[in-house]
Amino acid sequence: LLFPVVTMTMHLAYGVGTLAGLLSWQRLAR
């Protein structure tokens, strides 16, 4: 029952982190 909630948390969080990283691409690259 909790599996869909946990996987959605994982996937949304990872995706949000990735998009935030893309916005900081130049700073992260330096």
PDB file of all heavy atoms in Angstrom:
ATOM      1  N   LEU A   1       0.822  -1.204   0.000  1.00  0.00           N
ATOM      2  CA  LEU A   1       0.000   0.000   0.000  1.00  0.00           C
ATOM      3  C   LEU A   1       0.862   1.261   0.000  1.00  0.00           C
ATOM      4  O   LEU A   1       0.513   2.265  -0.629  1.00  0.00           O
ATOM      5  CB  LEU A   1      -0.927  -0.002   1.218  1.00  0.00           C
ATOM      6  CG  LEU A   1      -1.991  -1.103   1.258  1.00  0.00           C
ATOM      7  CD1 LEU A   1      -2.755  -1.064   2.565  1.00  0.00           C
ATOM      8  CD2 LEU A   1      -2.950  -0.965   0.078  1.00  0.00           C
ATOM      9  N   LEU A   2       1.977   1.209   0.698  1.00  0.00           N
ATOM     10  CA  LEU A   2       2.853   2.374   0.786  1.00  0.00           C
ATOM     11  C   LEU A   2       3.816   2.481  -0.396  1.00  0.00           C
ATOM     12  O   LEU A   2       4.400   3.536  -0.616  1.00  0.00           O
ATOM     13  CB  LEU A   2       3.656   2.324   2.094  1.00  0.00           C
ATOM     14  CG  LEU A   2       2.876   2.671   3.364  1.00  0.00           C
ATOM     15  CD1 LEU A   2       3.711   2.356   4.597  1.00  0.00           C
ATOM     16  CD2 LEU A   2       2.452   4.129   3.358  1.00  0.00           C
ATOM     17  N   PHE A   3       3.972   1.390  -1.122  1.00  0.00           N
ATOM     18  CA  PHE A   3       4.927   1.363  -2.227  1.00  0.00           C
ATOM     19  C   PHE A   3       4.683   2.498  -3.228  1.00  0.00           C
ATOM     20  O   PHE A   3       5.625   3.219  -3.585  1.00  0.00           O
ATOM     21  CB  PHE A   3       4.860  -0.004  -2.919  1.00  0.00           C
ATOM     22  CG  PHE A   3       5.868  -0.212  -4.015  1.00  0.00           C
ATOM     23  CD1 PHE A   3       7.106  -0.792  -3.732  1.00  0.00           C
ATOM     24  CD2 PHE A   3       5.590   0.152  -5.326  1.00  0.00           C
ATOM     25  CE1 PHE A   3       8.037  -1.002  -4.748  1.00  0.00           C
ATOM     26  CE2 PHE A   3       6.505  -0.052  -6.342  1.00  0.00           C
ATOM     27  CZ  PHE A   3       7.737  -0.627  -6.052  1.00  0.00           C
ATOM     28  N   PRO A   4       3.448   2.731  -3.723  1.00  0.00           N
ATOM     29  CA  PRO A   4       3.247   3.836  -4.673  1.00  0.00           C
ATOM     30  C   PRO A   4       3.565   5.201  -4.083  1.00  0.00           C
ATOM     31  O   PRO A   4       4.085   6.084  -4.776  1.00  0.00           O
ATOM     32  CB  PRO A   4       1.762   3.720  -5.040  1.00  0.00           C
ATOM     33  CG  PRO A   4       1.389   2.308  -4.729  1.00  0.00           C
ATOM     34  CD  PRO A   4       2.210   1.944  -3.542  1.00  0.00           C
ATOM     35  N   VAL A   5       3.267   5.384  -2.799  1.00  0.00           N
ATOM     36  CA  VAL A   5       3.554   6.668  -2.149  1.00  0.00           C
ATOM     37  C   VAL A   5       5.059   6.901  -2.063  1.00  0.00           C
ATOM     38  O   VAL A   5       5.561   7.997  -2.337  1.00  0.00           O
ATOM     39  CB  VAL A   5       2.921   6.707  -0.742  1.00  0.00           C
ATOM     40  CG1 VAL A   5       3.254   8.021  -0.035  1.00  0.00           C
ATOM     41  CG2 VAL A   5       1.413   6.504  -0.826  1.00  0.00           C
ATOM     42  N   VAL A   6       5.777   5.845  -1.690  1.00  0.00           N
ATOM     43  CA  VAL A   6       7.231   5.969  -1.547  1.00  0.00           C
ATOM     44  C   VAL A   6       7.896   6.170  -2.902  1.00  0.00           C
ATOM     45  O   VAL A   6       8.773   7.029  -3.056  1.00  0.00           O
ATOM     46  CB  VAL A   6       7.795   4.721  -0.827  1.00  0.00           C
ATOM     47  CG1 VAL A   6       9.320   4.674  -0.943  1.00  0.00           C
ATOM     48  CG2 VAL A   6       7.387   4.737   0.637  1.00  0.00           C
ATOM     49  N   THR A   7       7.483   5.399  -3.919  1.00  0.00           N
ATOM     50  CA  THR A   7       8.120   5.559  -5.229  1.00  0.00           C
ATOM     51  C   THR A   7       7.806   6.927  -5.821  1.00  0.00           C
ATOM     52  O   THR A   7       8.672   7.546  -6.449  1.00  0.00           O
ATOM     53  CB  THR A   7       7.691   4.458  -6.210  1.00  0.00           C
ATOM     54  OG1 THR A   7       6.275   4.443  -6.338  1.00  0.00           O
ATOM     55  CG2 THR A   7       8.187   3.103  -5.749  1.00  0.00           C
ATOM     56  N   MET A   8       6.598   7.425  -5.623  1.00  0.00           N
ATOM     57  CA  MET A   8       6.283   8.758  -6.136  1.00  0.00           C
ATOM     58  C   MET A   8       7.135   9.804  -5.418  1.00  0.00           C
ATOM     59  O   MET A   8       7.616  10.761  -6.050  1.00  0.00           O
ATOM     60  CB  MET A   8       4.807   9.082  -5.979  1.00  0.00           C
ATOM     61  CG  MET A   8       4.451  10.468  -6.492  1.00  0.00           C
ATOM     62  SD  MET A   8       2.687  10.746  -6.710  1.00  0.00           S
ATOM     63  CE  MET A   8       2.416   9.984  -8.321  1.00  0.00           C
ATOM     64  N   THR A   9       7.337   9.644  -4.108  1.00  0.00           N
ATOM     65  CA  THR A   9       8.206  10.566  -3.367  1.00  0.00           C
ATOM     66  C   THR A   9       9.620  10.527  -3.933  1.00  0.00           C
ATOM     67  O   THR A   9      10.237  11.575  -4.165  1.00  0.00           O
ATOM     68  CB  THR A   9       8.221  10.202  -1.874  1.00  0.00           C
ATOM     69  OG1 THR A   9       6.889  10.261  -1.356  1.00  0.00           O
ATOM     70  CG2 THR A   9       9.108  11.157  -1.085  1.00  0.00           C
ATOM     71  N   MET A  10      10.153   9.328  -4.151  1.00  0.00           N
ATOM     72  CA  MET A  10      11.489   9.177  -4.729  1.00  0.00           C
ATOM     73  C   MET A  10      11.593   9.853  -6.091  1.00  0.00           C
ATOM     74  O   MET A  10      12.509  10.649  -6.351  1.00  0.00           O
ATOM     75  CB  MET A  10      11.839   7.693  -4.879  1.00  0.00           C
ATOM     76  CG  MET A  10      11.987   6.917  -3.598  1.00  0.00           C
ATOM     77  SD  MET A  10      11.956   5.118  -3.886  1.00  0.00           S
ATOM     78  CE  MET A  10      13.387   4.902  -4.952  1.00  0.00           C
ATOM     79  N   HIS A  11      10.649   9.541  -6.963  1.00  0.00           N
ATOM     80  CA  HIS A  11      10.733  10.010  -8.346  1.00  0.00           C
ATOM     81  C   HIS A  11      10.516  11.513  -8.454  1.00  0.00           C
ATOM     82  O   HIS A  11      11.230  12.201  -9.197  1.00  0.00           O
ATOM     83  CB  HIS A  11       9.718   9.254  -9.200  1.00  0.00           C
ATOM     84  CG  HIS A  11       9.987   7.788  -9.286  1.00  0.00           C
ATOM     85  ND1 HIS A  11       9.032   6.866  -9.626  1.00  0.00           N
ATOM     86  CD2 HIS A  11      11.130   7.078  -9.063  1.00  0.00           C
ATOM     87  CE1 HIS A  11       9.560   5.650  -9.620  1.00  0.00           C
ATOM     88  NE2 HIS A  11      10.833   5.755  -9.283  1.00  0.00           N
ATOM     89  N   LEU A  12       9.531  12.039  -7.703  1.00  0.00           N
ATOM     90  CA  LEU A  12       9.311  13.484  -7.727  1.00  0.00           C
ATOM     91  C   LEU A  12      10.517  14.226  -7.155  1.00  0.00           C
ATOM     92  O   LEU A  12      10.967  15.237  -7.710  1.00  0.00           O
ATOM     93  CB  LEU A  12       8.053  13.839  -6.943  1.00  0.00           C
ATOM     94  CG  LEU A  12       6.714  13.472  -7.582  1.00  0.00           C
ATOM     95  CD1 LEU A  12       5.566  13.817  -6.636  1.00  0.00           C
ATOM     96  CD2 LEU A  12       6.530  14.188  -8.912  1.00  0.00           C
ATOM     97  N   ALA A  13      11.041  13.736  -6.034  1.00  0.00           N
ATOM     98  CA  ALA A  13      12.180  14.401  -5.399  1.00  0.00           C
ATOM     99  C   ALA A  13      13.398  14.380  -6.315  1.00  0.00           C
ATOM    100  O   ALA A  13      14.076  15.410  -6.486  1.00  0.00           O
ATOM    101  CB  ALA A  13      12.502  13.728  -4.073  1.00  0.00           C
ATOM    102  N   TYR A  14      13.683  13.230  -6.904  1.00  0.00           N
ATOM    103  CA  TYR A  14      14.833  13.128  -7.809  1.00  0.00           C
ATOM    104  C   TYR A  14      14.650  14.070  -8.998  1.00  0.00           C
ATOM    105  O   TYR A  14      15.580  14.778  -9.414  1.00  0.00           O
ATOM    106  CB  TYR A  14      14.979  11.685  -8.294  1.00  0.00           C
ATOM    107  CG  TYR A  14      16.342  11.344  -8.864  1.00  0.00           C
ATOM    108  CD1 TYR A  14      17.211  10.506  -8.184  1.00  0.00           C
ATOM    109  CD2 TYR A  14      16.755  11.852 -10.085  1.00  0.00           C
ATOM    110  CE1 TYR A  14      18.458  10.185  -8.710  1.00  0.00           C
ATOM    111  CE2 TYR A  14      17.986  11.544 -10.618  1.00  0.00           C
ATOM    112  CZ  TYR A  14      18.836  10.702  -9.926  1.00  0.00           C
ATOM    113  OH  TYR A  14      20.069  10.395 -10.452  1.00  0.00           O
ATOM    114  N   GLY A  15      13.441  14.087  -9.554  1.00  0.00           N
ATOM    115  CA  GLY A  15      13.179  14.953 -10.692  1.00  0.00           C
ATOM    116  C   GLY A  15      13.291  16.422 -10.350  1.00  0.00           C
ATOM    117  O   GLY A  15      13.879  17.209 -11.108  1.00  0.00           O
ATOM    118  N   VAL A  16      12.738  16.817  -9.200  1.00  0.00           N
ATOM    119  CA  VAL A  16      12.855  18.211  -8.764  1.00  0.00           C
ATOM    120  C   VAL A  16      14.322  18.572  -8.546  1.00  0.00           C
ATOM    121  O   VAL A  16      14.781  19.655  -8.937  1.00  0.00           O
ATOM    122  CB  VAL A  16      12.033  18.432  -7.477  1.00  0.00           C
ATOM    123  CG1 VAL A  16      12.378  19.780  -6.829  1.00  0.00           C
ATOM    124  CG2 VAL A  16      10.543  18.368  -7.785  1.00  0.00           C
ATOM    125  N   GLY A  17      15.075  17.668  -7.926  1.00  0.00           N
ATOM    126  CA  GLY A  17      16.503  17.923  -7.725  1.00  0.00           C
ATOM    127  C   GLY A  17      17.246  18.070  -9.039  1.00  0.00           C
ATOM    128  O   GLY A  17      18.105  18.949  -9.186  1.00  0.00           O
ATOM    129  N   THR A  18      16.914  17.219 -10.011  1.00  0.00           N
ATOM    130  CA  THR A  18      17.559  17.309 -11.323  1.00  0.00           C
ATOM    131  C   THR A  18      17.257  18.645 -11.997  1.00  0.00           C
ATOM    132  O   THR A  18      18.157  19.306 -12.536  1.00  0.00           O
ATOM    133  CB  THR A  18      17.087  16.151 -12.225  1.00  0.00           C
ATOM    134  OG1 THR A  18      17.444  14.913 -11.617  1.00  0.00           O
ATOM    135  CG2 THR A  18      17.732  16.242 -13.604  1.00  0.00           C
ATOM    136  N   LEU A  19      15.999  19.064 -11.976  1.00  0.00           N
ATOM    137  CA  LEU A  19      15.624  20.331 -12.609  1.00  0.00           C
ATOM    138  C   LEU A  19      16.294  21.508 -11.903  1.00  0.00           C
ATOM    139  O   LEU A  19      16.747  22.458 -12.558  1.00  0.00           O
ATOM    140  CB  LEU A  19      14.108  20.479 -12.606  1.00  0.00           C
ATOM    141  CG  LEU A  19      13.354  19.449 -13.472  1.00  0.00           C
ATOM    142  CD1 LEU A  19      11.854  19.575 -13.260  1.00  0.00           C
ATOM    143  CD2 LEU A  19      13.708  19.606 -14.938  1.00  0.00           C
ATOM    144  N   ALA A  20      16.384  21.441 -10.578  1.00  0.00           N
ATOM    145  CA  ALA A  20      17.088  22.493  -9.843  1.00  0.00           C
ATOM    146  C   ALA A  20      18.564  22.513 -10.215  1.00  0.00           C
ATOM    147  O   ALA A  20      19.174  23.583 -10.356  1.00  0.00           O
ATOM    148  CB  ALA A  20      16.919  22.287  -8.334  1.00  0.00           C
ATOM    149  N   GLY A  21      19.144  21.331 -10.391  1.00  0.00           N
ATOM    150  CA  GLY A  21      20.543  21.259 -10.811  1.00  0.00           C
ATOM    151  C   GLY A  21      20.759  21.830 -12.197  1.00  0.00           C
ATOM    152  O   GLY A  21      21.751  22.519 -12.450  1.00  0.00           O
ATOM    153  N   LEU A  22      19.830  21.558 -13.103  1.00  0.00           N
ATOM    154  CA  LEU A  22      19.954  22.107 -14.461  1.00  0.00           C
ATOM    155  C   LEU A  22      19.926  23.636 -14.444  1.00  0.00           C
ATOM    156  O   LEU A  22      20.635  24.284 -15.223  1.00  0.00           O
ATOM    157  CB  LEU A  22      18.831  21.565 -15.343  1.00  0.00           C
ATOM    158  CG  LEU A  22      18.929  20.079 -15.703  1.00  0.00           C
ATOM    159  CD1 LEU A  22      17.664  19.621 -16.423  1.00  0.00           C
ATOM    160  CD2 LEU A  22      20.168  19.796 -16.553  1.00  0.00           C
ATOM    161  N   LEU A  23      19.125  24.203 -13.551  1.00  0.00           N
ATOM    162  CA  LEU A  23      19.095  25.665 -13.430  1.00  0.00           C
ATOM    163  C   LEU A  23      20.398  26.214 -12.872  1.00  0.00           C
ATOM    164  O   LEU A  23      20.713  27.393 -13.067  1.00  0.00           O
ATOM    165  CB  LEU A  23      17.922  26.085 -12.531  1.00  0.00           C
ATOM    166  CG  LEU A  23      16.517  25.814 -13.100  1.00  0.00           C
ATOM    167  CD1 LEU A  23      15.456  26.160 -12.061  1.00  0.00           C
ATOM    168  CD2 LEU A  23      16.295  26.590 -14.386  1.00  0.00           C
ATOM    169  N   SER A  24      21.147  25.368 -12.170  1.00  0.00           N
ATOM    170  CA  SER A  24      22.435  25.785 -11.581  1.00  0.00           C
ATOM    171  C   SER A  24      23.615  25.204 -12.356  1.00  0.00           C
ATOM    172  O   SER A  24      24.715  25.085 -11.814  1.00  0.00           O
ATOM    173  CB  SER A  24      22.506  25.329 -10.119  1.00  0.00           C
ATOM    174  OG  SER A  24      21.426  25.822  -9.366  1.00  0.00           O
ATOM    175  N   TRP A  25      23.408  24.838 -13.613  1.00  0.00           N
ATOM    176  CA  TRP A  25      24.404  24.104 -14.391  1.00  0.00           C
ATOM    177  C   TRP A  25      25.768  24.788 -14.385  1.00  0.00           C
ATOM    178  O   TRP A  25      26.794  24.158 -14.107  1.00  0.00           O
ATOM    179  CB  TRP A  25      23.905  23.924 -15.822  1.00  0.00           C
ATOM    180  CG  TRP A  25      24.860  23.180 -16.720  1.00  0.00           C
ATOM    181  CD1 TRP A  25      25.946  23.690 -17.372  1.00  0.00           C
ATOM    182  CD2 TRP A  25      24.834  21.787 -17.033  1.00  0.00           C
ATOM    183  NE1 TRP A  25      26.591  22.717 -18.086  1.00  0.00           N
ATOM    184  CE2 TRP A  25      25.928  21.531 -17.901  1.00  0.00           C
ATOM    185  CE3 TRP A  25      23.992  20.741 -16.693  1.00  0.00           C
ATOM    186  CZ2 TRP A  25      26.189  20.262 -18.411  1.00  0.00           C
ATOM    187  CZ3 TRP A  25      24.257  19.476 -17.204  1.00  0.00           C
ATOM    188  CH2 TRP A  25      25.340  19.243 -18.051  1.00  0.00           C
ATOM    189  N   GLN A  26      25.816  26.061 -14.697  1.00  0.00           N
ATOM    190  CA  GLN A  26      27.104  26.740 -14.828  1.00  0.00           C
ATOM    191  C   GLN A  26      27.848  26.785 -13.499  1.00  0.00           C
ATOM    192  O   GLN A  26      29.060  26.551 -13.447  1.00  0.00           O
ATOM    193  CB  GLN A  26      26.902  28.150 -15.379  1.00  0.00           C
ATOM    194  CG  GLN A  26      26.461  28.185 -16.844  1.00  0.00           C
ATOM    195  CD  GLN A  26      26.382  29.595 -17.393  1.00  0.00           C
ATOM    196  OE1 GLN A  26      26.208  30.561 -16.650  1.00  0.00           O
ATOM    197  NE2 GLN A  26      26.517  29.722 -18.708  1.00  0.00           N
ATOM    198  N   ARG A  27      27.127  27.068 -12.423  1.00  0.00           N
ATOM    199  CA  ARG A  27      27.785  27.102 -11.107  1.00  0.00           C
ATOM    200  C   ARG A  27      28.301  25.729 -10.724  1.00  0.00           C
ATOM    201  O   ARG A  27      29.424  25.588 -10.224  1.00  0.00           O
ATOM    202  CB  ARG A  27      26.798  27.609 -10.053  1.00  0.00           C
ATOM    203  CG  ARG A  27      27.412  27.732  -8.652  1.00  0.00           C
ATOM    204  CD  ARG A  27      26.427  28.336  -7.682  1.00  0.00           C
ATOM    205  NE  ARG A  27      25.249  27.497  -7.505  1.00  0.00           N
ATOM    206  CZ  ARG A  27      25.223  26.428  -6.709  1.00  0.00           C
ATOM    207  NH1 ARG A  27      26.319  26.044  -6.036  1.00  0.00           N
ATOM    208  NH2 ARG A  27      24.118  25.718  -6.579  1.00  0.00           N
ATOM    209  N   LEU A  28      27.495  24.696 -10.944  1.00  0.00           N
ATOM    210  CA  LEU A  28      27.929  23.340 -10.627  1.00  0.00           C
ATOM    211  C   LEU A  28      29.121  22.923 -11.481  1.00  0.00           C
ATOM    212  O   LEU A  28      30.038  22.255 -10.995  1.00  0.00           O
ATOM    213  CB  LEU A  28      26.776  22.360 -10.839  1.00  0.00           C
ATOM    214  CG  LEU A  28      25.622  22.447  -9.838  1.00  0.00           C
ATOM    215  CD1 LEU A  28      24.485  21.530 -10.259  1.00  0.00           C
ATOM    216  CD2 LEU A  28      26.089  22.096  -8.434  1.00  0.00           C
ATOM    217  N   ALA A  29      29.120  23.329 -12.760  1.00  0.00           N
ATOM    218  CA  ALA A  29      30.228  22.973 -13.651  1.00  0.00           C
ATOM    219  C   ALA A  29      31.528  23.608 -13.181  1.00  0.00           C
ATOM    220  O   ALA A  29      32.586  22.963 -13.172  1.00  0.00           O
ATOM    221  CB  ALA A  29      29.910  23.412 -15.075  1.00  0.00           C
ATOM    222  N   ARG A  30      31.465  24.870 -12.780  1.00  0.00           N
ATOM    223  CA  ARG A  30      32.687  25.536 -12.288  1.00  0.00           C
ATOM    224  C   ARG A  30      33.206  24.850 -11.036  1.00  0.00           C
ATOM    225  O   ARG A  30      34.411  24.609 -10.896  1.00  0.00           O
ATOM    226  CB  ARG A  30      32.395  27.016 -12.021  1.00  0.00           C
ATOM    227  CG  ARG A  30      32.207  27.857 -13.278  1.00  0.00           C
ATOM    228  CD  ARG A  30      32.254  29.339 -12.950  1.00  0.00           C
ATOM    229  NE  ARG A  30      31.157  29.731 -12.067  1.00  0.00           N
ATOM    230  CZ  ARG A  30      29.970  30.167 -12.479  1.00  0.00           C
ATOM    231  NH1 ARG A  30      29.711  30.259 -13.774  1.00  0.00           N
ATOM    232  NH2 ARG A  30      29.025  30.518 -11.608  1.00  0.00           N
TER     233      ARG A  30
END
